[in-house]
Full PDB file with SEQRES, HELIX, SHEET, SSBOND, CRYST1, ORIGX, SCALE, CONECT and MASTER records, all heavy atoms in Angstrom:
SEQRES   1 A   42  ASP GLU LEU ALA GLN CYS LEU GLY ILE ASN LYS ARG THR          
SEQRES   2 A   42  ILE ILE GLY TRP GLU ARG ASP GLY ARG TYR PRO ARG SER          
SEQRES   3 A   42  ILE GLU MET LEU GLU LYS MET ALA ASP ILE PHE HIS VAL          
SEQRES   4 A   42  PRO LEU THR                                                  
HELIX    1 AA1 GLU A    2  LEU A    7  1                                   6    
HELIX    2 AA2 LYS A   11  ASP A   20  1                                  10    
HELIX    3 AA3 ILE A   27  PHE A   37  1                                  11    
CRYST1    1.000    1.000    1.000  90.00  90.00  90.00 P 1           1          
ORIGX1      1.000000  0.000000  0.000000        0.00000                         
ORIGX2      0.000000  1.000000  0.000000        0.00000                         
ORIGX3      0.000000  0.000000  1.000000        0.00000                         
SCALE1      1.000000  0.000000  0.000000        0.00000                         
SCALE2      0.000000  1.000000  0.000000        0.00000                         
SCALE3      0.000000  0.000000  1.000000        0.00000                         
ATOM      1  N   ASP A   1      52.739  -8.524-176.976  1.00  0.00           N  
ATOM      2  CA  ASP A   1      51.628  -8.651-176.018  1.00  0.00           C  
ATOM      3  C   ASP A   1      50.277  -8.512-176.711  1.00  0.00           C  
ATOM      4  O   ASP A   1      49.359  -9.293-176.450  1.00  0.00           O  
ATOM      5  CB  ASP A   1      51.720  -7.584-174.928  1.00  0.00           C  
ATOM      6  CG  ASP A   1      52.689  -7.945-173.819  1.00  0.00           C  
ATOM      7  OD1 ASP A   1      52.802  -9.143-173.494  1.00  0.00           O  
ATOM      8  OD2 ASP A   1      53.328  -7.025-173.279  1.00  0.00           O  
ATOM      9  N   GLU A   2      50.152  -7.528-177.573  1.00  0.00           N  
ATOM     10  CA  GLU A   2      48.877  -7.288-178.259  1.00  0.00           C  
ATOM     11  C   GLU A   2      48.504  -8.450-179.172  1.00  0.00           C  
ATOM     12  O   GLU A   2      47.354  -8.883-179.200  1.00  0.00           O  
ATOM     13  CB  GLU A   2      48.940  -5.984-179.054  1.00  0.00           C  
ATOM     14  CG  GLU A   2      49.005  -4.756-178.172  1.00  0.00           C  
ATOM     15  CD  GLU A   2      49.344  -3.479-178.915  1.00  0.00           C  
ATOM     16  OE1 GLU A   2      49.994  -3.557-179.991  1.00  0.00           O  
ATOM     17  OE2 GLU A   2      48.966  -2.404-178.432  1.00  0.00           O  
ATOM     18  N   LEU A   3      49.494  -8.965-179.917  1.00  0.00           N  
ATOM     19  CA  LEU A   3      49.212 -10.107-180.782  1.00  0.00           C  
ATOM     20  C   LEU A   3      48.811 -11.323-179.956  1.00  0.00           C  
ATOM     21  O   LEU A   3      47.868 -12.028-180.291  1.00  0.00           O  
ATOM     22  CB  LEU A   3      50.421 -10.435-181.668  1.00  0.00           C  
ATOM     23  CG  LEU A   3      50.254 -11.635-182.594  1.00  0.00           C  
ATOM     24  CD1 LEU A   3      49.045 -11.467-183.514  1.00  0.00           C  
ATOM     25  CD2 LEU A   3      51.530 -11.868-183.405  1.00  0.00           C  
ATOM     26  N   ALA A   4      49.514 -11.527-178.856  1.00  0.00           N  
ATOM     27  CA  ALA A   4      49.187 -12.657-177.977  1.00  0.00           C  
ATOM     28  C   ALA A   4      47.756 -12.544-177.462  1.00  0.00           C  
ATOM     29  O   ALA A   4      47.015 -13.536-177.440  1.00  0.00           O  
ATOM     30  CB  ALA A   4      50.182 -12.717-176.815  1.00  0.00           C  
ATOM     31  N   GLN A   5      47.344 -11.340-177.080  1.00  0.00           N  
ATOM     32  CA  GLN A   5      45.970 -11.143-176.596  1.00  0.00           C  
ATOM     33  C   GLN A   5      44.952 -11.412-177.705  1.00  0.00           C  
ATOM     34  O   GLN A   5      43.923 -12.045-177.461  1.00  0.00           O  
ATOM     35  CB  GLN A   5      45.794  -9.718-176.069  1.00  0.00           C  
ATOM     36  CG  GLN A   5      46.466  -9.487-174.742  1.00  0.00           C  
ATOM     37  CD  GLN A   5      46.348  -8.042-174.266  1.00  0.00           C  
ATOM     38  OE1 GLN A   5      45.689  -7.215-174.899  1.00  0.00           O  
ATOM     39  NE2 GLN A   5      46.989  -7.735-173.153  1.00  0.00           N  
ATOM     40  N   CYS A   6      45.249 -10.962-178.914  1.00  0.00           N  
ATOM     41  CA  CYS A   6      44.342 -11.209-180.051  1.00  0.00           C  
ATOM     42  C   CYS A   6      44.164 -12.705-180.306  1.00  0.00           C  
ATOM     43  O   CYS A   6      43.090 -13.155-180.697  1.00  0.00           O  
ATOM     44  CB  CYS A   6      44.883 -10.560-181.316  1.00  0.00           C  
ATOM     45  SG  CYS A   6      44.787  -8.772-181.339  1.00  0.00           S  
ATOM     46  N   LEU A   7      45.239 -13.446-180.101  1.00  0.00           N  
ATOM     47  CA  LEU A   7      45.213 -14.883-180.374  1.00  0.00           C  
ATOM     48  C   LEU A   7      44.809 -15.715-179.158  1.00  0.00           C  
ATOM     49  O   LEU A   7      44.612 -16.922-179.271  1.00  0.00           O  
ATOM     50  CB  LEU A   7      46.598 -15.337-180.868  1.00  0.00           C  
ATOM     51  CG  LEU A   7      47.041 -14.757-182.210  1.00  0.00           C  
ATOM     52  CD1 LEU A   7      48.509 -15.095-182.476  1.00  0.00           C  
ATOM     53  CD2 LEU A   7      46.163 -15.267-183.328  1.00  0.00           C  
ATOM     54  N   GLY A   8      44.732 -15.085-177.988  1.00  0.00           N  
ATOM     55  CA  GLY A   8      44.365 -15.803-176.772  1.00  0.00           C  
ATOM     56  C   GLY A   8      45.468 -16.714-176.263  1.00  0.00           C  
ATOM     57  O   GLY A   8      45.186 -17.792-175.740  1.00  0.00           O  
ATOM     58  N   ILE A   9      46.710 -16.269-176.425  1.00  0.00           N  
ATOM     59  CA  ILE A   9      47.864 -17.073-175.985  1.00  0.00           C  
ATOM     60  C   ILE A   9      48.807 -16.198-175.168  1.00  0.00           C  
ATOM     61  O   ILE A   9      48.598 -14.990-175.019  1.00  0.00           O  
ATOM     62  CB  ILE A   9      48.619 -17.681-177.190  1.00  0.00           C  
ATOM     63  CG1 ILE A   9      49.093 -16.587-178.146  1.00  0.00           C  
ATOM     64  CG2 ILE A   9      47.734 -18.698-177.916  1.00  0.00           C  
ATOM     65  CD1 ILE A   9      49.934 -17.084-179.307  1.00  0.00           C  
ATOM     66  N   ASN A  10      49.859 -16.802-174.663  1.00  0.00           N  
ATOM     67  CA  ASN A  10      50.859 -16.117-173.862  1.00  0.00           C  
ATOM     68  C   ASN A  10      51.892 -15.432-174.752  1.00  0.00           C  
ATOM     69  O   ASN A  10      52.244 -15.949-175.812  1.00  0.00           O  
ATOM     70  CB  ASN A  10      51.531 -17.154-172.949  1.00  0.00           C  
ATOM     71  CG  ASN A  10      52.402 -16.524-171.913  1.00  0.00           C  
ATOM     72  OD1 ASN A  10      53.454 -15.970-172.220  1.00  0.00           O  
ATOM     73  ND2 ASN A  10      51.961 -16.609-170.668  1.00  0.00           N  
ATOM     74  N   LYS A  11      52.399 -14.307-174.288  1.00  0.00           N  
ATOM     75  CA  LYS A  11      53.433 -13.571-175.028  1.00  0.00           C  
ATOM     76  C   LYS A  11      54.657 -14.444-175.304  1.00  0.00           C  
ATOM     77  O   LYS A  11      55.298 -14.334-176.345  1.00  0.00           O  
ATOM     78  CB  LYS A  11      53.844 -12.339-174.229  1.00  0.00           C  
ATOM     79  CG  LYS A  11      54.995 -11.572-174.818  1.00  0.00           C  
ATOM     80  CD  LYS A  11      55.425 -10.437-173.895  1.00  0.00           C  
ATOM     81  CE  LYS A  11      56.694  -9.802-174.392  1.00  0.00           C  
ATOM     82  NZ  LYS A  11      57.132  -8.705-173.517  1.00  0.00           N  
ATOM     83  N   ARG A  12      54.980 -15.338-174.390  1.00  0.00           N  
ATOM     84  CA  ARG A  12      56.146 -16.224-174.555  1.00  0.00           C  
ATOM     85  C   ARG A  12      56.000 -17.098-175.802  1.00  0.00           C  
ATOM     86  O   ARG A  12      56.990 -17.466-176.426  1.00  0.00           O  
ATOM     87  CB  ARG A  12      56.355 -17.115-173.328  1.00  0.00           C  
ATOM     88  CG  ARG A  12      56.684 -16.395-172.044  1.00  0.00           C  
ATOM     89  CD  ARG A  12      58.052 -15.744-171.980  1.00  0.00           C  
ATOM     90  NE  ARG A  12      59.116 -16.636-172.389  1.00  0.00           N  
ATOM     91  CZ  ARG A  12      60.270 -16.229-172.902  1.00  0.00           C  
ATOM     92  NH1 ARG A  12      60.511 -14.954-173.066  1.00  0.00           N  
ATOM     93  NH2 ARG A  12      61.188 -17.095-173.249  1.00  0.00           N  
ATOM     94  N   THR A  13      54.783 -17.423-176.154  1.00  0.00           N  
ATOM     95  CA  THR A  13      54.548 -18.216-177.358  1.00  0.00           C  
ATOM     96  C   THR A  13      54.949 -17.417-178.600  1.00  0.00           C  
ATOM     97  O   THR A  13      55.602 -17.951-179.497  1.00  0.00           O  
ATOM     98  CB  THR A  13      53.066 -18.638-177.444  1.00  0.00           C  
ATOM     99  OG1 THR A  13      52.738 -19.374-176.268  1.00  0.00           O  
ATOM    100  CG2 THR A  13      52.807 -19.489-178.672  1.00  0.00           C  
ATOM    101  N   ILE A  14      54.574 -16.149-178.640  1.00  0.00           N  
ATOM    102  CA  ILE A  14      54.951 -15.279-179.769  1.00  0.00           C  
ATOM    103  C   ILE A  14      56.471 -15.172-179.846  1.00  0.00           C  
ATOM    104  O   ILE A  14      57.057 -15.279-180.924  1.00  0.00           O  
ATOM    105  CB  ILE A  14      54.324 -13.869-179.622  1.00  0.00           C  
ATOM    106  CG1 ILE A  14      52.813 -13.928-179.468  1.00  0.00           C  
ATOM    107  CG2 ILE A  14      54.764 -12.971-180.777  1.00  0.00           C  
ATOM    108  CD1 ILE A  14      52.063 -14.435-180.669  1.00  0.00           C  
ATOM    109  N   ILE A  15      57.097 -14.986-178.707  1.00  0.00           N  
ATOM    110  CA  ILE A  15      58.561 -14.898-178.656  1.00  0.00           C  
ATOM    111  C   ILE A  15      59.180 -16.181-179.198  1.00  0.00           C  
ATOM    112  O   ILE A  15      60.139 -16.145-179.972  1.00  0.00           O  
ATOM    113  CB  ILE A  15      59.044 -14.600-177.218  1.00  0.00           C  
ATOM    114  CG1 ILE A  15      58.612 -13.193-176.817  1.00  0.00           C  
ATOM    115  CG2 ILE A  15      60.548 -14.776-177.101  1.00  0.00           C  
ATOM    116  CD1 ILE A  15      58.805 -12.871-175.337  1.00  0.00           C  
ATOM    117  N   GLY A  16      58.620 -17.316-178.825  1.00  0.00           N  
ATOM    118  CA  GLY A  16      59.112 -18.608-179.316  1.00  0.00           C  
ATOM    119  C   GLY A  16      59.019 -18.724-180.821  1.00  0.00           C  
ATOM    120  O   GLY A  16      59.915 -19.246-181.473  1.00  0.00           O  
ATOM    121  N   TRP A  17      57.914 -18.248-181.372  1.00  0.00           N  
ATOM    122  CA  TRP A  17      57.758 -18.285-182.834  1.00  0.00           C  
ATOM    123  C   TRP A  17      58.776 -17.391-183.512  1.00  0.00           C  
ATOM    124  O   TRP A  17      59.422 -17.776-184.481  1.00  0.00           O  
ATOM    125  CB  TRP A  17      56.366 -17.826-183.241  1.00  0.00           C  
ATOM    126  CG  TRP A  17      55.245 -18.711-182.815  1.00  0.00           C  
ATOM    127  CD1 TRP A  17      55.314 -20.014-182.385  1.00  0.00           C  
ATOM    128  CD2 TRP A  17      53.866 -18.357-182.764  1.00  0.00           C  
ATOM    129  NE1 TRP A  17      54.070 -20.483-182.080  1.00  0.00           N  
ATOM    130  CE2 TRP A  17      53.156 -19.493-182.303  1.00  0.00           C  
ATOM    131  CE3 TRP A  17      53.167 -17.202-183.057  1.00  0.00           C  
ATOM    132  CZ2 TRP A  17      51.780 -19.495-182.137  1.00  0.00           C  
ATOM    133  CZ3 TRP A  17      51.793 -17.196-182.893  1.00  0.00           C  
ATOM    134  CH2 TRP A  17      51.108 -18.340-182.435  1.00  0.00           C  
ATOM    135  N   GLU A  18      58.918 -16.177-182.987  1.00  0.00           N  
ATOM    136  CA  GLU A  18      59.777 -15.195-183.643  1.00  0.00           C  
ATOM    137  C   GLU A  18      61.264 -15.472-183.476  1.00  0.00           C  
ATOM    138  O   GLU A  18      62.043 -15.235-184.383  1.00  0.00           O  
ATOM    139  CB  GLU A  18      59.464 -13.785-183.114  1.00  0.00           C  
ATOM    140  CG  GLU A  18      58.105 -13.295-183.540  1.00  0.00           C  
ATOM    141  CD  GLU A  18      57.821 -11.861-183.113  1.00  0.00           C  
ATOM    142  OE1 GLU A  18      58.702 -11.208-182.516  1.00  0.00           O  
ATOM    143  OE2 GLU A  18      56.714 -11.396-183.398  1.00  0.00           O  
ATOM    144  N   ARG A  19      61.659 -15.984-182.338  1.00  0.00           N  
ATOM    145  CA  ARG A  19      63.089 -16.138-182.056  1.00  0.00           C  
ATOM    146  C   ARG A  19      63.603 -17.575-182.088  1.00  0.00           C  
ATOM    147  O   ARG A  19      64.745 -17.801-182.462  1.00  0.00           O  
ATOM    148  CB  ARG A  19      63.407 -15.579-180.669  1.00  0.00           C  
ATOM    149  CG  ARG A  19      63.215 -14.106-180.558  1.00  0.00           C  
ATOM    150  CD  ARG A  19      63.686 -13.636-179.218  1.00  0.00           C  
ATOM    151  NE  ARG A  19      63.323 -12.232-179.022  1.00  0.00           N  
ATOM    152  CZ  ARG A  19      63.290 -11.642-177.843  1.00  0.00           C  
ATOM    153  NH1 ARG A  19      63.597 -12.315-176.757  1.00  0.00           N  
ATOM    154  NH2 ARG A  19      62.946 -10.381-177.747  1.00  0.00           N  
ATOM    155  N   ASP A  20      62.780 -18.508-181.650  1.00  0.00           N  
ATOM    156  CA  ASP A  20      63.257 -19.870-181.433  1.00  0.00           C  
ATOM    157  C   ASP A  20      62.904 -20.854-182.531  1.00  0.00           C  
ATOM    158  O   ASP A  20      63.169 -22.038-182.417  1.00  0.00           O  
ATOM    159  CB  ASP A  20      62.719 -20.414-180.100  1.00  0.00           C  
ATOM    160  CG  ASP A  20      63.148 -19.576-178.910  1.00  0.00           C  
ATOM    161  OD1 ASP A  20      64.205 -18.916-179.001  1.00  0.00           O  
ATOM    162  OD2 ASP A  20      62.429 -19.571-177.899  1.00  0.00           O  
ATOM    163  N   GLY A  21      62.250 -20.383-183.581  1.00  0.00           N  
ATOM    164  CA  GLY A  21      61.908 -21.274-184.677  1.00  0.00           C  
ATOM    165  C   GLY A  21      60.779 -22.233-184.363  1.00  0.00           C  
ATOM    166  O   GLY A  21      60.639 -23.267-185.006  1.00  0.00           O  
ATOM    167  N   ARG A  22      59.952 -21.899-183.386  1.00  0.00           N  
ATOM    168  CA  ARG A  22      58.802 -22.755-183.066  1.00  0.00           C  
ATOM    169  C   ARG A  22      57.632 -22.397-183.964  1.00  0.00           C  
ATOM    170  O   ARG A  22      57.629 -21.372-184.623  1.00  0.00           O  
ATOM    171  CB  ARG A  22      58.423 -22.580-181.598  1.00  0.00           C  
ATOM    172  CG  ARG A  22      59.520 -23.068-180.697  1.00  0.00           C  
ATOM    173  CD  ARG A  22      59.135 -22.980-179.269  1.00  0.00           C  
ATOM    174  NE  ARG A  22      60.267 -23.427-178.465  1.00  0.00           N  
ATOM    175  CZ  ARG A  22      60.390 -23.201-177.195  1.00  0.00           C  
ATOM    176  NH1 ARG A  22      59.451 -22.543-176.541  1.00  0.00           N  
ATOM    177  NH2 ARG A  22      61.441 -23.632-176.539  1.00  0.00           N  
ATOM    178  N   TYR A  23      56.615 -23.269-183.959  1.00  0.00           N  
ATOM    179  CA  TYR A  23      55.449 -23.096-184.818  1.00  0.00           C  
ATOM    180  C   TYR A  23      54.168 -23.296-184.020  1.00  0.00           C  
ATOM    181  O   TYR A  23      54.171 -24.002-183.015  1.00  0.00           O  
ATOM    182  CB  TYR A  23      55.456 -24.130-185.954  1.00  0.00           C  
ATOM    183  CG  TYR A  23      56.701 -24.111-186.775  1.00  0.00           C  
ATOM    184  CD1 TYR A  23      57.666 -25.106-186.616  1.00  0.00           C  
ATOM    185  CD2 TYR A  23      56.936 -23.111-187.695  1.00  0.00           C  
ATOM    186  CE1 TYR A  23      58.822 -25.093-187.374  1.00  0.00           C  
ATOM    187  CE2 TYR A  23      58.086 -23.091-188.461  1.00  0.00           C  
ATOM    188  CZ  TYR A  23      59.024 -24.084-188.294  1.00  0.00           C  
ATOM    189  OH  TYR A  23      60.160 -24.061-189.042  1.00  0.00           O  
ATOM    190  N   PRO A  24      53.060 -22.723-184.480  1.00  0.00           N  
ATOM    191  CA  PRO A  24      51.771 -22.995-183.829  1.00  0.00           C  
ATOM    192  C   PRO A  24      51.456 -24.489-183.896  1.00  0.00           C  
ATOM    193  O   PRO A  24      51.829 -25.168-184.848  1.00  0.00           O  
ATOM    194  CB  PRO A  24      50.768 -22.204-184.670  1.00  0.00           C  
ATOM    195  CG  PRO A  24      51.568 -21.184-185.382  1.00  0.00           C  
ATOM    196  CD  PRO A  24      52.926 -21.790-185.589  1.00  0.00           C  
ATOM    197  N   ARG A  25      50.751 -24.959-182.901  1.00  0.00           N  
ATOM    198  CA  ARG A  25      50.422 -26.393-182.838  1.00  0.00           C  
ATOM    199  C   ARG A  25      49.124 -26.745-183.556  1.00  0.00           C  
ATOM    200  O   ARG A  25      48.814 -27.912-183.715  1.00  0.00           O  
ATOM    201  CB  ARG A  25      50.312 -26.834-181.385  1.00  0.00           C  
ATOM    202  CG  ARG A  25      51.631 -26.766-180.672  1.00  0.00           C  
ATOM    203  CD  ARG A  25      51.494 -27.278-179.280  1.00  0.00           C  
ATOM    204  NE  ARG A  25      52.771 -27.143-178.588  1.00  0.00           N  
ATOM    205  CZ  ARG A  25      52.971 -27.523-177.355  1.00  0.00           C  
ATOM    206  NH1 ARG A  25      51.983 -28.051-176.661  1.00  0.00           N  
ATOM    207  NH2 ARG A  25      54.152 -27.369-176.805  1.00  0.00           N  
ATOM    208  N   SER A  26      48.386 -25.742-183.969  1.00  0.00           N  
ATOM    209  CA  SER A  26      47.109 -26.049-184.626  1.00  0.00           C  
ATOM    210  C   SER A  26      46.907 -25.198-185.869  1.00  0.00           C  
ATOM    211  O   SER A  26      47.397 -24.077-185.964  1.00  0.00           O  
ATOM    212  CB  SER A  26      45.936 -25.809-183.660  1.00  0.00           C  
ATOM    213  OG  SER A  26      45.752 -24.428-183.461  1.00  0.00           O  
ATOM    214  N   ILE A  27      46.162 -25.756-186.777  1.00  0.00           N  
ATOM    215  CA  ILE A  27      45.813 -25.041-187.998  1.00  0.00           C  
ATOM    216  C   ILE A  27      44.897 -23.862-187.659  1.00  0.00           C  
ATOM    217  O   ILE A  27      44.948 -22.814-188.311  1.00  0.00           O  
ATOM    218  CB  ILE A  27      45.167 -26.002-189.034  1.00  0.00           C  
ATOM    219  CG1 ILE A  27      45.078 -25.338-190.404  1.00  0.00           C  
ATOM    220  CG2 ILE A  27      43.817 -26.476-188.577  1.00  0.00           C  
ATOM    221  CD1 ILE A  27      46.388 -25.130-191.071  1.00  0.00           C  
ATOM    222  N   GLU A  28      44.104 -24.015-186.602  1.00  0.00           N  
ATOM    223  CA  GLU A  28      43.216 -22.934-186.190  1.00  0.00           C  
ATOM    224  C   GLU A  28      44.007 -21.679-185.803  1.00  0.00           C  
ATOM    225  O   GLU A  28      43.572 -20.560-186.100  1.00  0.00           O  
ATOM    226  CB  GLU A  28      42.318 -23.372-185.018  1.00  0.00           C  
ATOM    227  CG  GLU A  28      41.270 -24.386-185.385  1.00  0.00           C  
ATOM    228  CD  GLU A  28      41.781 -25.827-185.409  1.00  0.00           C  
ATOM    229  OE1 GLU A  28      42.915 -26.095-184.962  1.00  0.00           O  
ATOM    230  OE2 GLU A  28      41.028 -26.683-185.896  1.00  0.00           O  
ATOM    231  N   MET A  29      45.147 -21.868-185.172  1.00  0.00           N  
ATOM    232  CA  MET A  29      45.974 -20.729-184.797  1.00  0.00           C  
ATOM    233  C   MET A  29      46.522 -20.029-186.045  1.00  0.00           C  
ATOM    234  O   MET A  29      46.542 -18.798-186.124  1.00  0.00           O  
ATOM    235  CB  MET A  29      47.136 -21.178-183.892  1.00  0.00           C  
ATOM    236  CG  MET A  29      47.965 -20.032-183.364  1.00  0.00           C  
ATOM    237  SD  MET A  29      47.045 -18.867-182.317  1.00  0.00           S  
ATOM    238  CE  MET A  29      46.575 -19.911-180.956  1.00  0.00           C  
ATOM    239  N   LEU A  30      46.946 -20.814-187.014  1.00  0.00           N  
ATOM    240  CA  LEU A  30      47.415 -20.229-188.266  1.00  0.00           C  
ATOM    241  C   LEU A  30      46.286 -19.480-188.972  1.00  0.00           C  
ATOM    242  O   LEU A  30      46.497 -18.409-189.544  1.00  0.00           O  
ATOM    243  CB  LEU A  30      47.983 -21.309-189.189  1.00  0.00           C  
ATOM    244  CG  LEU A  30      49.326 -21.916-188.774  1.00  0.00           C  
ATOM    245  CD1 LEU A  30      49.652 -23.119-189.650  1.00  0.00           C  
ATOM    246  CD2 LEU A  30      50.436 -20.888-188.848  1.00  0.00           C  
ATOM    247  N   GLU A  31      45.071 -20.030-188.909  1.00  0.00           N  
ATOM    248  CA  GLU A  31      43.917 -19.373-189.525  1.00  0.00           C  
ATOM    249  C   GLU A  31      43.626 -18.035-188.848  1.00  0.00           C  
ATOM    250  O   GLU A  31      43.337 -17.038-189.519  1.00  0.00           O  
ATOM    251  CB  GLU A  31      42.692 -20.279-189.455  1.00  0.00           C  
ATOM    252  CG  GLU A  31      42.780 -21.474-190.378  1.00  0.00           C  
ATOM    253  CD  GLU A  31      41.679 -22.487-190.164  1.00  0.00           C  
ATOM    254  OE1 GLU A  31      41.031 -22.478-189.083  1.00  0.00           O  
ATOM    255  OE2 GLU A  31      41.458 -23.302-191.068  1.00  0.00           O  
ATOM    256  N   LYS A  32      43.689 -18.010-187.507  1.00  0.00           N  
ATOM    257  CA  LYS A  32      43.475 -16.754-186.778  1.00  0.00           C  
ATOM    258  C   LYS A  32      44.515 -15.716-187.184  1.00  0.00           C  
ATOM    259  O   LYS A  32      44.182 -14.546-187.398  1.00  0.00           O  
ATOM    260  CB  LYS A  32      43.580 -16.981-185.266  1.00  0.00           C  
ATOM    261  CG  LYS A  32      42.404 -17.638-184.621  1.00  0.00           C  
ATOM    262  CD  LYS A  32      42.650 -17.724-183.125  1.00  0.00           C  
ATOM    263  CE  LYS A  32      41.623 -18.547-182.410  1.00  0.00           C  
ATOM    264  NZ  LYS A  32      41.914 -18.647-180.969  1.00  0.00           N  
ATOM    265  N   MET A  33      45.753 -16.150-187.289  1.00  0.00           N  
ATOM    266  CA  MET A  33      46.829 -15.226-187.660  1.00  0.00           C  
ATOM    267  C   MET A  33      46.622 -14.695-189.072  1.00  0.00           C  
ATOM    268  O   MET A  33      46.806 -13.496-189.321  1.00  0.00           O  
ATOM    269  CB  MET A  33      48.180 -15.920-187.536  1.00  0.00           C  
ATOM    270  CG  MET A  33      48.537 -16.253-186.109  1.00  0.00           C  
ATOM    271  SD  MET A  33      49.986 -17.311-185.981  1.00  0.00           S  
ATOM    272  CE  MET A  33      51.249 -16.196-186.548  1.00  0.00           C  
ATOM    273  N   ALA A  34      46.231 -15.559-189.974  1.00  0.00           N  
ATOM    274  CA  ALA A  34      45.980 -15.139-191.359  1.00  0.00           C  
ATOM    275  C   ALA A  34      44.857 -14.095-191.394  1.00  0.00           C  
ATOM    276  O   ALA A  34      44.940 -13.117-192.142  1.00  0.00           O  
ATOM    277  CB  ALA A  34      45.634 -16.345-192.223  1.00  0.00           C  
ATOM    278  N   ASP A  35      43.809 -14.287-190.581  1.00  0.00           N  
ATOM    279  CA  ASP A  35      42.712 -13.323-190.508  1.00  0.00           C  
ATOM    280  C   ASP A  35      43.182 -11.985-189.941  1.00  0.00           C  
ATOM    281  O   ASP A  35      42.840 -10.933-190.466  1.00  0.00           O  
ATOM    282  CB  ASP A  35      41.567 -13.860-189.646  1.00  0.00           C  
ATOM    283  CG  ASP A  35      40.772 -14.953-190.328  1.00  0.00           C  
ATOM    284  OD1 ASP A  35      40.880 -15.097-191.574  1.00  0.00           O  
ATOM    285  OD2 ASP A  35      40.043 -15.673-189.619  1.00  0.00           O  
ATOM    286  N   ILE A  36      43.950 -12.032-188.876  1.00  0.00           N  
ATOM    287  CA  ILE A  36      44.441 -10.801-188.244  1.00  0.00           C  
ATOM    288  C   ILE A  36      45.317 -10.003-189.205  1.00  0.00           C  
ATOM    289  O   ILE A  36      45.205  -8.784-189.305  1.00  0.00           O  
ATOM    290  CB  ILE A  36      45.215 -11.130-186.949  1.00  0.00           C  
ATOM    291  CG1 ILE A  36      44.249 -11.615-185.864  1.00  0.00           C  
ATOM    292  CG2 ILE A  36      46.022  -9.925-186.454  1.00  0.00           C  
ATOM    293  CD1 ILE A  36      44.916 -12.234-184.650  1.00  0.00           C  
ATOM    294  N   PHE A  37      46.194 -10.708-189.905  1.00  0.00           N  
ATOM    295  CA  PHE A  37      47.162 -10.041-190.774  1.00  0.00           C  
ATOM    296  C   PHE A  37      46.662  -9.850-192.214  1.00  0.00           C  
ATOM    297  O   PHE A  37      47.354  -9.249-193.033  1.00  0.00           O  
ATOM    298  CB  PHE A  37      48.477 -10.820-190.798  1.00  0.00           C  
ATOM    299  CG  PHE A  37      49.188 -10.845-189.469  1.00  0.00           C  
ATOM    300  CD1 PHE A  37      49.729 -12.031-188.992  1.00  0.00           C  
ATOM    301  CD2 PHE A  37      49.350  -9.706-188.706  1.00  0.00           C  
ATOM    302  CE1 PHE A  37      50.407 -12.068-187.777  1.00  0.00           C  
ATOM    303  CE2 PHE A  37      50.016  -9.723-187.495  1.00  0.00           C  
ATOM    304  CZ  PHE A  37      50.542 -10.912-187.028  1.00  0.00           C  
ATOM    305  N   HIS A  38      45.489 -10.392-192.523  1.00  0.00           N  
ATOM    306  CA  HIS A  38      44.917 -10.281-193.870  1.00  0.00           C  
ATOM    307  C   HIS A  38      45.860 -10.851-194.936  1.00  0.00           C  
ATOM    308  O   HIS A  38      46.150 -10.207-195.947  1.00  0.00           O  
ATOM    309  CB  HIS A  38      44.557  -8.828-194.201  1.00  0.00           C  
ATOM    310  CG  HIS A  38      43.685  -8.187-193.169  1.00  0.00           C  
ATOM    311  ND1 HIS A  38      42.351  -8.513-193.030  1.00  0.00           N  
ATOM    312  CD2 HIS A  38      43.956  -7.268-192.208  1.00  0.00           C  
ATOM    313  CE1 HIS A  38      41.837  -7.809-192.030  1.00  0.00           C  
ATOM    314  NE2 HIS A  38      42.788  -7.064-191.520  1.00  0.00           N  
ATOM    315  N   VAL A  39      46.337 -12.060-194.662  1.00  0.00           N  
ATOM    316  CA  VAL A  39      47.197 -12.765-195.616  1.00  0.00           C  
ATOM    317  C   VAL A  39      46.623 -14.155-195.846  1.00  0.00           C  
ATOM    318  O   VAL A  39      45.872 -14.666-195.010  1.00  0.00           O  
ATOM    319  CB  VAL A  39      48.666 -12.888-195.110  1.00  0.00           C  
ATOM    320  CG1 VAL A  39      49.306 -11.517-194.961  1.00  0.00           C  
ATOM    321  CG2 VAL A  39      48.743 -13.668-193.809  1.00  0.00           C  
ATOM    322  N   PRO A  40      46.959 -14.791-196.973  1.00  0.00           N  
ATOM    323  CA  PRO A  40      46.482 -16.162-197.185  1.00  0.00           C  
ATOM    324  C   PRO A  40      47.142 -17.121-196.201  1.00  0.00           C  
ATOM    325  O   PRO A  40      48.295 -16.921-195.797  1.00  0.00           O  
ATOM    326  CB  PRO A  40      46.906 -16.490-198.613  1.00  0.00           C  
ATOM    327  CG  PRO A  40      47.714 -15.360-199.107  1.00  0.00           C  
ATOM    328  CD  PRO A  40      47.728 -14.283-198.090  1.00  0.00           C  
ATOM    329  N   LEU A  41      46.417 -18.127-195.825  1.00  0.00           N  
ATOM    330  CA  LEU A  41      46.942 -19.143-194.907  1.00  0.00           C  
ATOM    331  C   LEU A  41      48.235 -19.744-195.435  1.00  0.00           C  
ATOM    332  O   LEU A  41      49.164 -20.006-194.672  1.00  0.00           O  
ATOM    333  CB  LEU A  41      45.888 -20.229-194.691  1.00  0.00           C  
ATOM    334  CG  LEU A  41      46.244 -21.373-193.761  1.00  0.00           C  
ATOM    335  CD1 LEU A  41      46.549 -20.860-192.363  1.00  0.00           C  
ATOM    336  CD2 LEU A  41      45.109 -22.376-193.714  1.00  0.00           C  
ATOM    337  N   THR A  42      48.317 -19.926-196.731  1.00  0.00           N  
ATOM    338  CA  THR A  42      49.516 -20.537-197.321  1.00  0.00           C  
ATOM    339  C   THR A  42      50.767 -19.687-197.115  1.00  0.00           C  
ATOM    340  O   THR A  42      51.868 -20.220-197.094  1.00  0.00           O  
ATOM    341  CB  THR A  42      49.317 -20.787-198.827  1.00  0.00           C  
ATOM    342  OG1 THR A  42      48.917 -19.559-199.448  1.00  0.00           O  
ATOM    343  CG2 THR A  42      48.279 -21.863-199.066  1.00  0.00           C  
TER     344      THR A  42                                                      
MASTER        0    0    0    3    0    0    0    6  343    1    0    4          
END                                                                             
């Protein structure tokens, strides 16, 4: 829930990424995640 709020998305989306093998649809989402987690985009 907290990660979803940080990213401005629904919790179900996070669940989909973690369990169902889905991926973000935009590079901007990956960039936000990289910033939150302090990791390189790659």
